[in-house]
Amino acid sequence: VLRSRHVWGPYEPYAGNPILTQRHLPEDRPDPV
């Protein structure tokens, strides 16, 4: 996610990105999504 006060930007990214992912989790975790 990024945000701006104006619809045309410039858009600033969230420092905590990504706001959703599972790519960093252990591959051998049970019942993975």
Full PDB file with SEQRES, HELIX, SHEET, SSBOND, CRYST1, ORIGX, SCALE, CONECT and MASTER records, all heavy atoms in Angstrom:
SEQRES   1 A   33  VAL LEU ARG SER ARG HIS VAL TRP GLY PRO TYR GLU PRO          
SEQRES   2 A   33  TYR ALA GLY ASN PRO ILE LEU THR GLN ARG HIS LEU PRO          
SEQRES   3 A   33  GLU ASP ARG PRO ASP PRO VAL                                  
SHEET    1 AA1 2 LEU A   2  ARG A   3  0                                        
SHEET    2 AA1 2 GLU A  12  PRO A  13 -1                                        
CRYST1    1.000    1.000    1.000  90.00  90.00  90.00 P 1           1          
ORIGX1      1.000000  0.000000  0.000000        0.00000                         
ORIGX2      0.000000  1.000000  0.000000        0.00000                         
ORIGX3      0.000000  0.000000  1.000000        0.00000                         
SCALE1      1.000000  0.000000  0.000000        0.00000                         
SCALE2      0.000000  1.000000  0.000000        0.00000                         
SCALE3      0.000000  0.000000  1.000000        0.00000                         
ATOM      1  N   VAL A   1       0.841  -1.191   0.000  1.00  0.00           N  
ATOM      2  CA  VAL A   1       0.000   0.000   0.000  1.00  0.00           C  
ATOM      3  C   VAL A   1       0.878   1.243   0.000  1.00  0.00           C  
ATOM      4  O   VAL A   1       1.953   1.273   0.610  1.00  0.00           O  
ATOM      5  CB  VAL A   1      -0.963   0.000   1.206  1.00  0.00           C  
ATOM      6  CG1 VAL A   1      -0.224   0.031   2.538  1.00  0.00           C  
ATOM      7  CG2 VAL A   1      -1.951   1.172   1.123  1.00  0.00           C  
ATOM      8  N   LEU A   2       0.409   2.273  -0.698  1.00  0.00           N  
ATOM      9  CA  LEU A   2       1.026   3.593  -0.721  1.00  0.00           C  
ATOM     10  C   LEU A   2      -0.103   4.605  -0.549  1.00  0.00           C  
ATOM     11  O   LEU A   2      -1.272   4.292  -0.764  1.00  0.00           O  
ATOM     12  CB  LEU A   2       1.761   3.854  -2.048  1.00  0.00           C  
ATOM     13  CG  LEU A   2       2.820   2.820  -2.478  1.00  0.00           C  
ATOM     14  CD1 LEU A   2       2.189   1.713  -3.335  1.00  0.00           C  
ATOM     15  CD2 LEU A   2       3.934   3.488  -3.268  1.00  0.00           C  
ATOM     16  N   ARG A   3       0.237   5.846  -0.166  1.00  0.00           N  
ATOM     17  CA  ARG A   3      -0.822   6.839  -0.003  1.00  0.00           C  
ATOM     18  C   ARG A   3      -0.350   8.224  -0.422  1.00  0.00           C  
ATOM     19  O   ARG A   3       0.848   8.502  -0.525  1.00  0.00           O  
ATOM     20  CB  ARG A   3      -1.324   6.871   1.436  1.00  0.00           C  
ATOM     21  CG  ARG A   3      -0.369   7.492   2.434  1.00  0.00           C  
ATOM     22  CD  ARG A   3      -0.958   7.500   3.838  1.00  0.00           C  
ATOM     23  NE  ARG A   3      -0.056   8.176   4.776  1.00  0.00           N  
ATOM     24  CZ  ARG A   3      -0.267   8.302   6.081  1.00  0.00           C  
ATOM     25  NH1 ARG A   3      -1.367   7.754   6.627  1.00  0.00           N  
ATOM     26  NH2 ARG A   3       0.594   8.955   6.854  1.00  0.00           N  
ATOM     27  N   SER A   4      -1.347   9.089  -0.667  1.00  0.00           N  
ATOM     28  CA  SER A   4      -1.071  10.459  -1.080  1.00  0.00           C  
ATOM     29  C   SER A   4      -2.247  11.339  -0.680  1.00  0.00           C  
ATOM     30  O   SER A   4      -3.374  10.862  -0.540  1.00  0.00           O  
ATOM     31  CB  SER A   4      -0.870  10.521  -2.590  1.00  0.00           C  
ATOM     32  OG  SER A   4      -0.749  11.862  -3.038  1.00  0.00           O  
ATOM     33  N   ARG A   5      -1.982  12.628  -0.522  1.00  0.00           N  
ATOM     34  CA  ARG A   5      -3.070  13.584  -0.296  1.00  0.00           C  
ATOM     35  C   ARG A   5      -3.755  13.987  -1.605  1.00  0.00           C  
ATOM     36  O   ARG A   5      -4.808  14.617  -1.585  1.00  0.00           O  
ATOM     37  CB  ARG A   5      -2.524  14.838   0.393  1.00  0.00           C  
ATOM     38  CG  ARG A   5      -2.203  14.645   1.870  1.00  0.00           C  
ATOM     39  CD  ARG A   5      -3.449  14.390   2.688  1.00  0.00           C  
ATOM     40  NE  ARG A   5      -3.181  14.356   4.127  1.00  0.00           N  
ATOM     41  CZ  ARG A   5      -4.088  14.084   5.044  1.00  0.00           C  
ATOM     42  NH1 ARG A   5      -5.336  13.803   4.682  1.00  0.00           N  
ATOM     43  NH2 ARG A   5      -3.779  14.063   6.318  1.00  0.00           N  
ATOM     44  N   HIS A   6      -3.156  13.626  -2.721  1.00  0.00           N  
ATOM     45  CA  HIS A   6      -3.695  13.991  -4.024  1.00  0.00           C  
ATOM     46  C   HIS A   6      -3.847  12.733  -4.871  1.00  0.00           C  
ATOM     47  O   HIS A   6      -2.987  11.847  -4.836  1.00  0.00           O  
ATOM     48  CB  HIS A   6      -2.776  14.998  -4.722  1.00  0.00           C  
ATOM     49  CG  HIS A   6      -2.497  16.212  -3.897  1.00  0.00           C  
ATOM     50  ND1 HIS A   6      -3.393  17.239  -3.760  1.00  0.00           N  
ATOM     51  CD2 HIS A   6      -1.409  16.545  -3.140  1.00  0.00           C  
ATOM     52  CE1 HIS A   6      -2.894  18.169  -2.968  1.00  0.00           C  
ATOM     53  NE2 HIS A   6      -1.688  17.782  -2.572  1.00  0.00           N  
ATOM     54  N   VAL A   7      -4.909  12.672  -5.658  1.00  0.00           N  
ATOM     55  CA  VAL A   7      -5.183  11.463  -6.419  1.00  0.00           C  
ATOM     56  C   VAL A   7      -4.072  11.143  -7.408  1.00  0.00           C  
ATOM     57  O   VAL A   7      -3.769   9.969  -7.676  1.00  0.00           O  
ATOM     58  CB  VAL A   7      -6.546  11.572  -7.137  1.00  0.00           C  
ATOM     59  CG1 VAL A   7      -6.523  12.617  -8.249  1.00  0.00           C  
ATOM     60  CG2 VAL A   7      -6.992  10.219  -7.681  1.00  0.00           C  
ATOM     61  N   TRP A   8      -3.405  12.180  -7.932  1.00  0.00           N  
ATOM     62  CA  TRP A   8      -2.328  11.961  -8.893  1.00  0.00           C  
ATOM     63  C   TRP A   8      -0.971  11.715  -8.221  1.00  0.00           C  
ATOM     64  O   TRP A   8       0.023  11.514  -8.911  1.00  0.00           O  
ATOM     65  CB  TRP A   8      -2.209  13.149  -9.846  1.00  0.00           C  
ATOM     66  CG  TRP A   8      -3.334  13.226 -10.834  1.00  0.00           C  
ATOM     67  CD1 TRP A   8      -4.399  14.074 -10.798  1.00  0.00           C  
ATOM     68  CD2 TRP A   8      -3.501  12.423 -12.005  1.00  0.00           C  
ATOM     69  NE1 TRP A   8      -5.232  13.848 -11.874  1.00  0.00           N  
ATOM     70  CE2 TRP A   8      -4.703  12.844 -12.635  1.00  0.00           C  
ATOM     71  CE3 TRP A   8      -2.771  11.388 -12.586  1.00  0.00           C  
ATOM     72  CZ2 TRP A   8      -5.185  12.264 -13.820  1.00  0.00           C  
ATOM     73  CZ3 TRP A   8      -3.239  10.819 -13.760  1.00  0.00           C  
ATOM     74  CH2 TRP A   8      -4.423  11.246 -14.362  1.00  0.00           C  
ATOM     75  N   GLY A   9      -0.956  11.718  -6.884  1.00  0.00           N  
ATOM     76  CA  GLY A   9       0.291  11.472  -6.192  1.00  0.00           C  
ATOM     77  C   GLY A   9       1.075  12.744  -5.938  1.00  0.00           C  
ATOM     78  O   GLY A   9       0.545  13.846  -6.088  1.00  0.00           O  
ATOM     79  N   PRO A  10       2.329  12.621  -5.498  1.00  0.00           N  
ATOM     80  CA  PRO A  10       3.114  11.379  -5.412  1.00  0.00           C  
ATOM     81  C   PRO A  10       2.653  10.479  -4.260  1.00  0.00           C  
ATOM     82  O   PRO A  10       2.189  10.974  -3.233  1.00  0.00           O  
ATOM     83  CB  PRO A  10       4.538  11.881  -5.180  1.00  0.00           C  
ATOM     84  CG  PRO A  10       4.360  13.201  -4.501  1.00  0.00           C  
ATOM     85  CD  PRO A  10       3.116  13.804  -5.094  1.00  0.00           C  
ATOM     86  N   TYR A  11       2.801   9.173  -4.471  1.00  0.00           N  
ATOM     87  CA  TYR A  11       2.378   8.182  -3.491  1.00  0.00           C  
ATOM     88  C   TYR A  11       3.569   7.692  -2.664  1.00  0.00           C  
ATOM     89  O   TYR A  11       4.587   7.283  -3.209  1.00  0.00           O  
ATOM     90  CB  TYR A  11       1.687   6.997  -4.192  1.00  0.00           C  
ATOM     91  CG  TYR A  11       0.268   7.322  -4.587  1.00  0.00           C  
ATOM     92  CD1 TYR A  11      -0.011   7.951  -5.800  1.00  0.00           C  
ATOM     93  CD2 TYR A  11      -0.788   7.015  -3.736  1.00  0.00           C  
ATOM     94  CE1 TYR A  11      -1.316   8.266  -6.156  1.00  0.00           C  
ATOM     95  CE2 TYR A  11      -2.095   7.323  -4.083  1.00  0.00           C  
ATOM     96  CZ  TYR A  11      -2.348   7.951  -5.285  1.00  0.00           C  
ATOM     97  OH  TYR A  11      -3.650   8.268  -5.622  1.00  0.00           O  
ATOM     98  N   GLU A  12       3.391   7.759  -1.344  1.00  0.00           N  
ATOM     99  CA  GLU A  12       4.435   7.357  -0.395  1.00  0.00           C  
ATOM    100  C   GLU A  12       4.151   5.937   0.096  1.00  0.00           C  
ATOM    101  O   GLU A  12       3.033   5.629   0.519  1.00  0.00           O  
ATOM    102  CB  GLU A  12       4.418   8.321   0.799  1.00  0.00           C  
ATOM    103  CG  GLU A  12       5.184   7.852   2.012  1.00  0.00           C  
ATOM    104  CD  GLU A  12       4.751   8.558   3.298  1.00  0.00           C  
ATOM    105  OE1 GLU A  12       3.797   9.360   3.253  1.00  0.00           O  
ATOM    106  OE2 GLU A  12       5.376   8.276   4.339  1.00  0.00           O  
ATOM    107  N   PRO A  13       5.137   5.050   0.045  1.00  0.00           N  
ATOM    108  CA  PRO A  13       4.888   3.677   0.498  1.00  0.00           C  
ATOM    109  C   PRO A  13       4.854   3.573   2.017  1.00  0.00           C  
ATOM    110  O   PRO A  13       5.524   4.328   2.736  1.00  0.00           O  
ATOM    111  CB  PRO A  13       6.066   2.890  -0.084  1.00  0.00           C  
ATOM    112  CG  PRO A  13       7.156   3.898  -0.218  1.00  0.00           C  
ATOM    113  CD  PRO A  13       6.483   5.205  -0.544  1.00  0.00           C  
ATOM    114  N   TYR A  14       4.058   2.635   2.497  1.00  0.00           N  
ATOM    115  CA  TYR A  14       3.989   2.303   3.921  1.00  0.00           C  
ATOM    116  C   TYR A  14       5.299   1.647   4.349  1.00  0.00           C  
ATOM    117  O   TYR A  14       5.788   0.712   3.690  1.00  0.00           O  
ATOM    118  CB  TYR A  14       2.813   1.368   4.150  1.00  0.00           C  
ATOM    119  CG  TYR A  14       2.662   0.811   5.544  1.00  0.00           C  
ATOM    120  CD1 TYR A  14       2.784   1.613   6.676  1.00  0.00           C  
ATOM    121  CD2 TYR A  14       2.350  -0.532   5.729  1.00  0.00           C  
ATOM    122  CE1 TYR A  14       2.617   1.100   7.939  1.00  0.00           C  
ATOM    123  CE2 TYR A  14       2.173  -1.057   6.994  1.00  0.00           C  
ATOM    124  CZ  TYR A  14       2.313  -0.244   8.095  1.00  0.00           C  
ATOM    125  OH  TYR A  14       2.148  -0.767   9.369  1.00  0.00           O  
ATOM    126  N   ALA A  15       5.860   2.108   5.452  1.00  0.00           N  
ATOM    127  CA  ALA A  15       7.140   1.573   5.926  1.00  0.00           C  
ATOM    128  C   ALA A  15       7.029   0.116   6.333  1.00  0.00           C  
ATOM    129  O   ALA A  15       8.036  -0.610   6.343  1.00  0.00           O  
ATOM    130  CB  ALA A  15       7.650   2.414   7.096  1.00  0.00           C  
ATOM    131  N   GLY A  16       5.805  -0.335   6.674  1.00  0.00           N  
ATOM    132  CA  GLY A  16       5.617  -1.712   7.107  1.00  0.00           C  
ATOM    133  C   GLY A  16       5.223  -2.670   6.004  1.00  0.00           C  
ATOM    134  O   GLY A  16       4.827  -3.807   6.286  1.00  0.00           O  
ATOM    135  N   ASN A  17       5.322  -2.241   4.736  1.00  0.00           N  
ATOM    136  CA  ASN A  17       4.978  -3.140   3.628  1.00  0.00           C  
ATOM    137  C   ASN A  17       5.807  -4.415   3.673  1.00  0.00           C  
ATOM    138  O   ASN A  17       6.963  -4.401   4.112  1.00  0.00           O  
ATOM    139  CB  ASN A  17       5.222  -2.434   2.276  1.00  0.00           C  
ATOM    140  CG  ASN A  17       4.044  -1.583   1.832  1.00  0.00           C  
ATOM    141  OD1 ASN A  17       2.890  -1.977   1.993  1.00  0.00           O  
ATOM    142  ND2 ASN A  17       4.332  -0.405   1.283  1.00  0.00           N  
ATOM    143  N   PRO A  18       5.215  -5.533   3.226  1.00  0.00           N  
ATOM    144  CA  PRO A  18       3.870  -5.700   2.676  1.00  0.00           C  
ATOM    145  C   PRO A  18       2.826  -5.797   3.777  1.00  0.00           C  
ATOM    146  O   PRO A  18       3.136  -6.197   4.909  1.00  0.00           O  
ATOM    147  CB  PRO A  18       3.968  -7.003   1.903  1.00  0.00           C  
ATOM    148  CG  PRO A  18       5.002  -7.792   2.631  1.00  0.00           C  
ATOM    149  CD  PRO A  18       6.006  -6.798   3.119  1.00  0.00           C  
ATOM    150  N   ILE A  19       1.590  -5.461   3.445  1.00  0.00           N  
ATOM    151  CA  ILE A  19       0.501  -5.544   4.418  1.00  0.00           C  
ATOM    152  C   ILE A  19      -0.148  -6.925   4.420  1.00  0.00           C  
ATOM    153  O   ILE A  19      -1.008  -7.200   5.247  1.00  0.00           O  
ATOM    154  CB  ILE A  19      -0.552  -4.453   4.177  1.00  0.00           C  
ATOM    155  CG1 ILE A  19      -1.190  -4.583   2.786  1.00  0.00           C  
ATOM    156  CG2 ILE A  19       0.082  -3.071   4.357  1.00  0.00           C  
ATOM    157  CD1 ILE A  19      -2.387  -3.657   2.563  1.00  0.00           C  
ATOM    158  N   LEU A  20       0.267  -7.787   3.488  1.00  0.00           N  
ATOM    159  CA  LEU A  20      -0.190  -9.171   3.446  1.00  0.00           C  
ATOM    160  C   LEU A  20       0.809  -9.978   2.641  1.00  0.00           C  
ATOM    161  O   LEU A  20       1.129  -9.615   1.505  1.00  0.00           O  
ATOM    162  CB  LEU A  20      -1.575  -9.280   2.777  1.00  0.00           C  
ATOM    163  CG  LEU A  20      -2.081 -10.702   2.470  1.00  0.00           C  
ATOM    164  CD1 LEU A  20      -2.359 -11.468   3.757  1.00  0.00           C  
ATOM    165  CD2 LEU A  20      -3.323 -10.661   1.583  1.00  0.00           C  
ATOM    166  N   THR A  21       1.326 -11.050   3.215  1.00  0.00           N  
ATOM    167  CA  THR A  21       2.124 -12.035   2.495  1.00  0.00           C  
ATOM    168  C   THR A  21       2.333 -13.232   3.415  1.00  0.00           C  
ATOM    169  O   THR A  21       2.135 -13.133   4.631  1.00  0.00           O  
ATOM    170  CB  THR A  21       3.476 -11.473   2.030  1.00  0.00           C  
ATOM    171  OG1 THR A  21       4.086 -12.390   1.110  1.00  0.00           O  
ATOM    172  CG2 THR A  21       4.426 -11.254   3.205  1.00  0.00           C  
ATOM    173  N   GLN A  22       2.708 -14.351   2.824  1.00  0.00           N  
ATOM    174  CA  GLN A  22       3.088 -15.528   3.607  1.00  0.00           C  
ATOM    175  C   GLN A  22       4.443 -16.053   3.138  1.00  0.00           C  
ATOM    176  O   GLN A  22       4.872 -17.131   3.534  1.00  0.00           O  
ATOM    177  CB  GLN A  22       2.039 -16.637   3.462  1.00  0.00           C  
ATOM    178  CG  GLN A  22       0.645 -16.245   3.906  1.00  0.00           C  
ATOM    179  CD  GLN A  22       0.468 -16.236   5.415  1.00  0.00           C  
ATOM    180  OE1 GLN A  22       0.129 -17.237   6.039  1.00  0.00           O  
ATOM    181  NE2 GLN A  22       0.714 -15.070   6.023  1.00  0.00           N  
ATOM    182  N   ARG A  23       5.144 -15.294   2.317  1.00  0.00           N  
ATOM    183  CA  ARG A  23       6.365 -15.775   1.675  1.00  0.00           C  
ATOM    184  C   ARG A  23       7.533 -15.956   2.628  1.00  0.00           C  
ATOM    185  O   ARG A  23       8.466 -16.698   2.322  1.00  0.00           O  
ATOM    186  CB  ARG A  23       6.762 -14.818   0.545  1.00  0.00           C  
ATOM    187  CG  ARG A  23       7.169 -13.430   1.007  1.00  0.00           C  
ATOM    188  CD  ARG A  23       7.302 -12.490  -0.175  1.00  0.00           C  
ATOM    189  NE  ARG A  23       7.634 -11.123   0.226  1.00  0.00           N  
ATOM    190  CZ  ARG A  23       7.421 -10.056  -0.532  1.00  0.00           C  
ATOM    191  NH1 ARG A  23       6.874 -10.204  -1.733  1.00  0.00           N  
ATOM    192  NH2 ARG A  23       7.753  -8.861  -0.112  1.00  0.00           N  
ATOM    193  N   HIS A  24       7.492 -15.312   3.784  1.00  0.00           N  
ATOM    194  CA  HIS A  24       8.609 -15.364   4.721  1.00  0.00           C  
ATOM    195  C   HIS A  24       8.455 -16.461   5.768  1.00  0.00           C  
ATOM    196  O   HIS A  24       9.332 -16.628   6.621  1.00  0.00           O  
ATOM    197  CB  HIS A  24       8.728 -14.024   5.435  1.00  0.00           C  
ATOM    198  CG  HIS A  24       7.479 -13.625   6.183  1.00  0.00           C  
ATOM    199  ND1 HIS A  24       6.274 -13.422   5.558  1.00  0.00           N  
ATOM    200  CD2 HIS A  24       7.256 -13.421   7.509  1.00  0.00           C  
ATOM    201  CE1 HIS A  24       5.366 -13.099   6.458  1.00  0.00           C  
ATOM    202  NE2 HIS A  24       5.930 -13.095   7.648  1.00  0.00           N  
ATOM    203  N   LEU A  25       7.363 -17.212   5.722  1.00  0.00           N  
ATOM    204  CA  LEU A  25       7.086 -18.215   6.745  1.00  0.00           C  
ATOM    205  C   LEU A  25       7.747 -19.544   6.397  1.00  0.00           C  
ATOM    206  O   LEU A  25       8.021 -19.834   5.223  1.00  0.00           O  
ATOM    207  CB  LEU A  25       5.578 -18.401   6.892  1.00  0.00           C  
ATOM    208  CG  LEU A  25       4.801 -17.151   7.311  1.00  0.00           C  
ATOM    209  CD1 LEU A  25       3.316 -17.451   7.380  1.00  0.00           C  
ATOM    210  CD2 LEU A  25       5.310 -16.599   8.634  1.00  0.00           C  
ATOM    211  N   PRO A  26       8.008 -20.397   7.390  1.00  0.00           N  
ATOM    212  CA  PRO A  26       8.655 -21.688   7.122  1.00  0.00           C  
ATOM    213  C   PRO A  26       7.828 -22.544   6.168  1.00  0.00           C  
ATOM    214  O   PRO A  26       6.605 -22.658   6.310  1.00  0.00           O  
ATOM    215  CB  PRO A  26       8.746 -22.330   8.520  1.00  0.00           C  
ATOM    216  CG  PRO A  26       8.657 -21.197   9.477  1.00  0.00           C  
ATOM    217  CD  PRO A  26       7.785 -20.167   8.837  1.00  0.00           C  
ATOM    218  N   GLU A  27       8.495 -23.149   5.205  1.00  0.00           N  
ATOM    219  CA  GLU A  27       7.789 -23.974   4.235  1.00  0.00           C  
ATOM    220  C   GLU A  27       7.172 -25.213   4.866  1.00  0.00           C  
ATOM    221  O   GLU A  27       6.186 -25.746   4.358  1.00  0.00           O  
ATOM    222  CB  GLU A  27       8.743 -24.389   3.109  1.00  0.00           C  
ATOM    223  CG  GLU A  27       9.197 -23.227   2.238  1.00  0.00           C  
ATOM    224  CD  GLU A  27      10.078 -23.689   1.095  1.00  0.00           C  
ATOM    225  OE1 GLU A  27      10.247 -24.918   0.939  1.00  0.00           O  
ATOM    226  OE2 GLU A  27      10.609 -22.829   0.359  1.00  0.00           O  
ATOM    227  N   ASP A  28       7.757 -25.681   5.987  1.00  0.00           N  
ATOM    228  CA  ASP A  28       7.277 -26.921   6.603  1.00  0.00           C  
ATOM    229  C   ASP A  28       6.242 -26.677   7.693  1.00  0.00           C  
ATOM    230  O   ASP A  28       5.957 -27.567   8.499  1.00  0.00           O  
ATOM    231  CB  ASP A  28       8.447 -27.722   7.166  1.00  0.00           C  
ATOM    232  CG  ASP A  28       9.233 -26.942   8.225  1.00  0.00           C  
ATOM    233  OD1 ASP A  28       8.946 -25.740   8.420  1.00  0.00           O  
ATOM    234  OD2 ASP A  28      10.138 -27.541   8.845  1.00  0.00           O  
ATOM    235  N   ARG A  29       5.650 -25.485   7.753  1.00  0.00           N  
ATOM    236  CA  ARG A  29       4.629 -25.220   8.762  1.00  0.00           C  
ATOM    237  C   ARG A  29       3.399 -26.082   8.472  1.00  0.00           C  
ATOM    238  O   ARG A  29       3.128 -26.426   7.317  1.00  0.00           O  
ATOM    239  CB  ARG A  29       4.255 -23.737   8.790  1.00  0.00           C  
ATOM    240  CG  ARG A  29       3.573 -23.231   7.531  1.00  0.00           C  
ATOM    241  CD  ARG A  29       3.493 -21.705   7.558  1.00  0.00           C  
ATOM    242  NE  ARG A  29       2.731 -21.141   6.451  1.00  0.00           N  
ATOM    243  CZ  ARG A  29       3.221 -20.901   5.247  1.00  0.00           C  
ATOM    244  NH1 ARG A  29       4.479 -21.210   4.974  1.00  0.00           N  
ATOM    245  NH2 ARG A  29       2.467 -20.363   4.315  1.00  0.00           N  
ATOM    246  N   PRO A  30       2.621 -26.429   9.500  1.00  0.00           N  
ATOM    247  CA  PRO A  30       1.460 -27.303   9.266  1.00  0.00           C  
ATOM    248  C   PRO A  30       0.339 -26.563   8.541  1.00  0.00           C  
ATOM    249  O   PRO A  30       0.113 -25.368   8.766  1.00  0.00           O  
ATOM    250  CB  PRO A  30       1.035 -27.706  10.685  1.00  0.00           C  
ATOM    251  CG  PRO A  30       1.564 -26.615  11.565  1.00  0.00           C  
ATOM    252  CD  PRO A  30       2.836 -26.150  10.931  1.00  0.00           C  
ATOM    253  N   ASP A  31      -0.363 -27.286   7.675  1.00  0.00           N  
ATOM    254  CA  ASP A  31      -1.548 -26.783   6.966  1.00  0.00           C  
ATOM    255  C   ASP A  31      -1.322 -25.391   6.378  1.00  0.00           C  
ATOM    256  O   ASP A  31      -2.064 -24.444   6.656  1.00  0.00           O  
ATOM    257  CB  ASP A  31      -2.749 -26.739   7.918  1.00  0.00           C  
ATOM    258  CG  ASP A  31      -3.026 -28.080   8.566  1.00  0.00           C  
ATOM    259  OD1 ASP A  31      -2.715 -29.104   7.940  1.00  0.00           O  
ATOM    260  OD2 ASP A  31      -3.534 -28.092   9.700  1.00  0.00           O  
ATOM    261  N   PRO A  32      -0.315 -25.235   5.543  1.00  0.00           N  
ATOM    262  CA  PRO A  32       0.014 -23.883   5.079  1.00  0.00           C  
ATOM    263  C   PRO A  32      -1.024 -23.313   4.120  1.00  0.00           C  
ATOM    264  O   PRO A  32      -1.664 -24.031   3.350  1.00  0.00           O  
ATOM    265  CB  PRO A  32       1.350 -24.090   4.365  1.00  0.00           C  
ATOM    266  CG  PRO A  32       1.290 -25.500   3.875  1.00  0.00           C  
ATOM    267  CD  PRO A  32       0.545 -26.261   4.941  1.00  0.00           C  
ATOM    268  N   VAL A  33      -1.181 -22.006   4.181  1.00  0.00           N  
ATOM    269  CA  VAL A  33      -1.860 -21.226   3.152  1.00  0.00           C  
ATOM    270  C   VAL A  33      -0.785 -20.351   2.532  1.00  0.00           C  
ATOM    271  O   VAL A  33      -0.042 -19.673   3.241  1.00  0.00           O  
ATOM    272  CB  VAL A  33      -2.993 -20.370   3.741  1.00  0.00           C  
ATOM    273  CG1 VAL A  33      -3.605 -19.479   2.669  1.00  0.00           C  
ATOM    274  CG2 VAL A  33      -4.060 -21.255   4.373  1.00  0.00           C  
TER     275      VAL A  33                                                      
MASTER        0    0    0    0    2    0    0    6  274    1    0    3          
END                                                                             
